[in-house]
Structures are given as structure tokens and as C-alpha cells.
Amino acid sequence: MGHVDRSKLCTTSPLASISLGNAAVFLIGGLTRDVTPIPILLRSGDVVVISGPACWCAYRGVLRITRRNIATIS
């Protein structure tokens, strides 16, 4: 599940993510993949800010897109 940003040069800055478009399930785990991740439902316009050890050493990622809600232009 997910990834860890081990290449960040600054480990004191927070990580911000803005969700635009489709709803999705975001997972935040622990220091190893053995830790059961916590699912968070994100909708368009949601903002997630991760700081501290969770920012640079916790596994995280998008599990799945739950609903397609972007209008198409014909």
C-alpha cells in the first residue's frame, strides 16, 4: 500500500494535498506496511495536511477512486 517520501530534503515542513475532481479513499499507515492503515474519504475540495513523522516516514496513498463526478465537455 502506498509509498513513503524518503527523499525529502526538509523533514520539518508539512505536506499539503488538495483533492480536486473525483472522491477517493486515502490511506495513512505507519512506519511499516504491517501497520493497518486508516482510510479517509476525500471529496473534491478537501485538503489534507500531514506533518511530523507522518509526513516523512508513514506509508500513505490512494486506495481507490470511489465515484466519478467530473462533468465531460462534448
Foldseek 3Di string as FASTA:
>chain_A
DADFAQPDPDQADKDKDADAFFKFWKWKAAQDPVGDTDTDIDGHGDMDIGHDCSRGRIGMDTPGGDDGDDDDDD
